[in-house]
Amino acid sequence: MIQVFYALFTEKMPTERFSQLFALLTPEMQQEVLRFRHWEDAHRSVIGKALLLEGLKQFYLDQTSLSNLKFTDFKKPYFENDIHFNISHSGNCVVCAIGTIEMGVDIEAVKEIPLNDFTELFSTEELKLIYRQPGSYTAFYNLWTQKEAFLKALGVGLNMPLNQIVINKNKIEYDGSSWFLKKIVIHQGYICHVVTPLADVQIQLKQVHF
């Protein structure tokens, strides 16, 4: 089973509450937060780690586990055990997926964008789907979050071109393995997908209030 923790915010947290969450971070994480110039970015970063800590509680772990985080060559964070996690944020929403299997998660706030700037990232068939409904960005964000979740599961970031990722009936075949996509309804105005190597994995959604 994968648990997906999420949080929404529309304004600054009270200073005392933000300081409490900030204090749970490692010194390196705190320095990263302090480099943000906008409070929204700082909140997204702190909330993401706070959601991870909520997830770690399911494995009877606490904030000291954050000091055991390792990073791949592409800067993907991971633990040297059977706990896998992935964090994503967009707009005023932050999500963290955690479980004992590999996964990737991506969430995007649906907003108007210049679609023509992204045509090279999609196949001909995908572009037909995107342009099928003029004025709607649902198809674009569905495909985008699916591909991003997959890249995050692999831990390669954008080092693999998005147009090389072929999605067929919510499944991606890559390097002899199959990855399965599932859409998660988080909040109106957002599109979110989780990808895992299991077709029938259970996903439990939980909102956390800070």
Protein backbone atom coordinates (compact mmCIF):
# COMPACT_ATOMS: atom_id res chain seq x y z
CA MET A 1 0.00 0.00 0.00
CA ILE A 2 1.08 3.56 -0.68
CA GLN A 3 -0.03 6.40 1.54
CA VAL A 4 -0.32 9.85 0.03
CA PHE A 5 -0.26 12.68 2.55
CA TYR A 6 -1.21 16.14 1.37
CA ALA A 7 -1.63 19.65 2.72
CA LEU A 8 -3.16 22.86 1.39
CA PHE A 9 -2.28 26.38 2.44
CA THR A 10 -3.57 29.78 1.37
CA GLU A 11 -1.75 32.02 3.82
CA LYS A 12 1.27 32.11 6.07
CA MET A 13 1.30 29.78 9.03
CA PRO A 14 1.53 31.42 12.44
CA THR A 15 5.20 32.09 13.16
CA GLU A 16 5.23 29.74 16.14
CA ARG A 17 3.85 26.83 14.12
CA PHE A 18 6.24 27.42 11.23
CA SER A 19 9.15 27.55 13.67
CA GLN A 20 8.08 24.23 15.20
CA LEU A 21 8.11 22.52 11.81
CA PHE A 22 11.33 24.26 10.79
CA ALA A 23 13.05 22.97 13.94
CA LEU A 24 12.39 19.38 12.86
CA LEU A 25 14.58 19.75 9.78
CA THR A 26 18.25 18.95 9.49
CA PRO A 27 20.65 21.94 9.43
CA GLU A 28 21.13 21.40 5.68
CA MET A 29 17.38 21.47 5.08
CA GLN A 30 17.03 24.59 7.20
CA GLN A 31 19.69 26.38 5.15
CA GLU A 32 17.83 25.45 1.98
CA VAL A 33 14.62 26.93 3.36
CA LEU A 34 16.36 30.12 4.42
CA ARG A 35 17.59 30.68 0.87
CA PHE A 36 14.04 31.07 -0.44
CA ARG A 37 13.04 34.65 -1.10
CA HIS A 38 9.28 34.06 -1.08
CA TRP A 39 7.37 32.73 1.88
CA GLU A 40 5.30 30.42 -0.36
CA ASP A 41 8.45 28.57 -1.45
CA ALA A 42 9.60 28.25 2.16
CA HIS A 43 6.21 26.88 3.17
CA ARG A 44 6.16 24.33 0.36
CA SER A 45 9.61 23.08 1.37
CA VAL A 46 8.86 22.87 5.09
CA ILE A 47 5.44 21.32 4.56
CA GLY A 48 6.90 18.71 2.21
CA LYS A 49 9.33 17.54 4.91
CA ALA A 50 6.58 17.70 7.53
CA LEU A 51 4.42 15.42 5.38
CA LEU A 52 7.37 13.03 5.02
CA LEU A 53 7.67 12.93 8.80
CA GLU A 54 3.95 12.13 9.04
CA GLY A 55 4.56 9.24 6.67
CA LEU A 56 7.59 8.00 8.60
CA LYS A 57 5.44 7.74 11.72
CA GLN A 58 3.68 4.81 10.02
CA PHE A 59 7.03 3.03 10.21
CA TYR A 60 7.63 4.10 13.83
CA LEU A 61 10.34 6.55 12.80
CA ASP A 62 10.78 10.17 13.87
CA GLN A 63 12.53 13.33 12.67
CA THR A 64 15.97 11.90 13.44
CA SER A 65 15.51 9.74 10.35
CA LEU A 66 15.90 12.82 8.14
CA SER A 67 19.60 12.82 8.95
CA ASN A 68 19.86 9.40 7.26
CA LEU A 69 18.70 10.66 3.89
CA LYS A 70 21.00 9.86 0.97
CA PHE A 71 21.00 11.36 -2.51
CA THR A 72 21.52 9.81 -5.92
CA ASP A 73 23.73 11.39 -8.60
CA PHE A 74 20.59 13.14 -9.85
CA LYS A 75 19.81 14.47 -6.35
CA LYS A 76 16.90 12.14 -5.67
CA PRO A 77 16.61 11.65 -1.87
CA TYR A 78 16.23 8.13 -0.51
CA PHE A 79 16.65 5.99 2.60
CA GLU A 80 18.90 2.94 2.71
CA ASN A 81 16.05 0.64 3.72
CA ASP A 82 12.74 -0.52 2.27
CA ILE A 83 10.99 2.83 2.70
CA HIS A 84 10.38 4.75 -0.51
CA PHE A 85 8.92 8.24 -0.79
CA ASN A 86 8.41 11.06 -3.23
CA ILE A 87 7.35 14.69 -2.70
CA SER A 88 5.70 17.08 -5.13
CA HIS A 89 4.16 20.52 -4.86
CA SER A 90 2.43 23.08 -7.02
CA GLY A 91 0.58 26.24 -6.18
CA ASN A 92 -0.72 25.93 -2.63
CA CYS A 93 -0.72 22.13 -2.49
CA VAL A 94 2.02 19.75 -1.30
CA VAL A 95 1.90 15.95 -1.50
CA CYS A 96 4.13 13.17 -0.20
CA ALA A 97 3.74 9.54 -1.26
CA ILE A 98 5.36 6.93 0.94
CA GLY A 99 5.41 3.14 1.06
CA THR A 100 7.56 0.03 0.72
CA ILE A 101 7.67 -0.01 -3.08
CA GLU A 102 9.23 2.41 -5.54
CA MET A 103 6.97 5.23 -6.65
CA GLY A 104 6.84 8.66 -8.14
CA VAL A 105 4.23 11.38 -7.63
CA ASP A 106 3.59 14.64 -9.39
CA ILE A 107 0.94 17.29 -8.84
CA GLU A 108 0.26 20.39 -10.90
CA ALA A 109 -2.11 23.30 -10.51
CA VAL A 110 -4.16 23.59 -13.70
CA LYS A 111 -3.58 27.01 -15.21
CA GLU A 112 -3.48 28.60 -18.62
CA ILE A 113 -0.16 28.13 -20.40
CA PRO A 114 1.15 28.64 -23.97
CA LEU A 115 0.72 25.07 -25.20
CA ASN A 116 2.77 25.73 -28.33
CA ASP A 117 5.85 26.11 -26.13
CA PHE A 118 5.60 22.45 -25.10
CA THR A 119 4.91 20.67 -28.40
CA GLU A 120 8.37 19.10 -28.58
CA LEU A 121 7.72 17.26 -25.33
CA PHE A 122 4.85 15.14 -26.68
CA SER A 123 4.25 12.64 -29.44
CA THR A 124 1.97 13.35 -32.39
CA GLU A 125 -0.83 11.28 -30.85
CA GLU A 126 -0.46 13.03 -27.51
CA LEU A 127 -0.62 16.43 -29.18
CA LYS A 128 -3.84 15.42 -30.91
CA LEU A 129 -5.27 14.57 -27.51
CA ILE A 130 -4.07 17.85 -26.00
CA TYR A 131 -5.57 19.99 -28.79
CA ARG A 132 -8.79 18.00 -29.05
CA GLN A 133 -10.54 20.31 -26.60
CA PRO A 134 -9.57 23.94 -27.30
CA GLY A 135 -9.33 26.00 -24.14
CA SER A 136 -8.97 22.95 -21.91
CA TYR A 137 -5.67 22.07 -20.29
CA THR A 138 -6.81 18.82 -18.68
CA ALA A 139 -5.20 16.53 -21.26
CA PHE A 140 -1.93 18.45 -21.08
CA TYR A 141 -1.69 18.25 -17.30
CA ASN A 142 -2.77 14.61 -17.26
CA LEU A 143 0.10 13.70 -19.58
CA TRP A 144 2.55 16.04 -17.90
CA THR A 145 1.96 14.70 -14.38
CA GLN A 146 2.07 11.10 -15.63
CA LYS A 147 5.43 11.61 -17.29
CA GLU A 148 6.84 13.66 -14.44
CA ALA A 149 5.78 11.05 -11.87
CA PHE A 150 7.53 8.39 -13.93
CA LEU A 151 10.75 10.41 -14.21
CA LYS A 152 10.68 11.06 -10.47
CA ALA A 153 10.24 7.34 -9.80
CA LEU A 154 13.34 6.64 -11.88
CA GLY A 155 15.12 9.51 -10.19
CA VAL A 156 16.49 11.04 -13.39
CA GLY A 157 14.68 14.39 -13.33
CA LEU A 158 14.36 15.92 -16.78
CA ASN A 159 17.48 14.17 -18.03
CA MET A 160 15.22 11.89 -20.08
CA PRO A 161 13.20 13.73 -22.76
CA LEU A 162 9.48 13.62 -22.04
CA ASN A 163 8.67 12.72 -25.64
CA GLN A 164 10.52 9.43 -25.19
CA ILE A 165 8.03 8.31 -22.55
CA VAL A 166 5.19 6.40 -24.18
CA ILE A 167 2.00 5.98 -22.14
CA ASN A 168 -0.39 3.21 -23.17
CA LYS A 169 -3.57 2.74 -21.15
CA ASN A 170 -2.05 4.14 -17.97
CA LYS A 171 1.05 1.98 -18.33
CA ILE A 172 4.65 2.78 -19.28
CA GLU A 173 7.05 0.14 -20.55
CA TYR A 174 10.68 0.98 -19.84
CA ASP A 175 13.88 -1.06 -19.86
CA GLY A 176 12.03 -4.37 -19.63
CA SER A 177 9.78 -3.24 -16.77
CA SER A 178 6.19 -2.03 -16.53
CA TRP A 179 5.09 1.01 -14.56
CA PHE A 180 1.45 1.69 -13.75
CA LEU A 181 -0.15 5.09 -13.39
CA LYS A 182 -3.04 6.06 -11.16
CA LYS A 183 -4.78 9.43 -11.00
CA ILE A 184 -5.30 10.81 -7.50
CA VAL A 185 -8.00 13.37 -6.81
CA ILE A 186 -6.45 15.79 -4.33
CA HIS A 187 -8.28 19.09 -4.73
CA GLN A 188 -10.26 21.00 -7.31
CA GLY A 189 -7.97 22.74 -9.77
CA TYR A 190 -5.12 20.25 -9.38
CA ILE A 191 -4.15 17.10 -11.27
CA CYS A 192 -2.02 14.45 -9.60
CA HIS A 193 -0.66 11.05 -10.66
CA VAL A 194 1.22 8.31 -8.84
CA VAL A 195 3.31 5.70 -10.67
CA THR A 196 4.41 2.34 -9.25
CA PRO A 197 5.70 -1.00 -10.57
CA LEU A 198 2.53 -2.71 -9.33
CA ALA A 199 -0.77 -2.68 -11.21
CA ASP A 200 -3.08 -3.25 -8.25
CA VAL A 201 -1.42 -1.27 -5.47
CA GLN A 202 -3.74 0.31 -2.92
CA ILE A 203 -3.39 4.05 -2.38
CA GLN A 204 -4.62 5.70 0.80
CA LEU A 205 -5.11 9.45 0.79
CA LYS A 206 -4.83 11.55 3.95
CA GLN A 207 -5.01 15.32 4.41
CA VAL A 208 -2.78 16.88 7.05
CA HIS A 209 -3.52 20.27 8.56
CA PHE A 210 -0.68 22.49 9.72
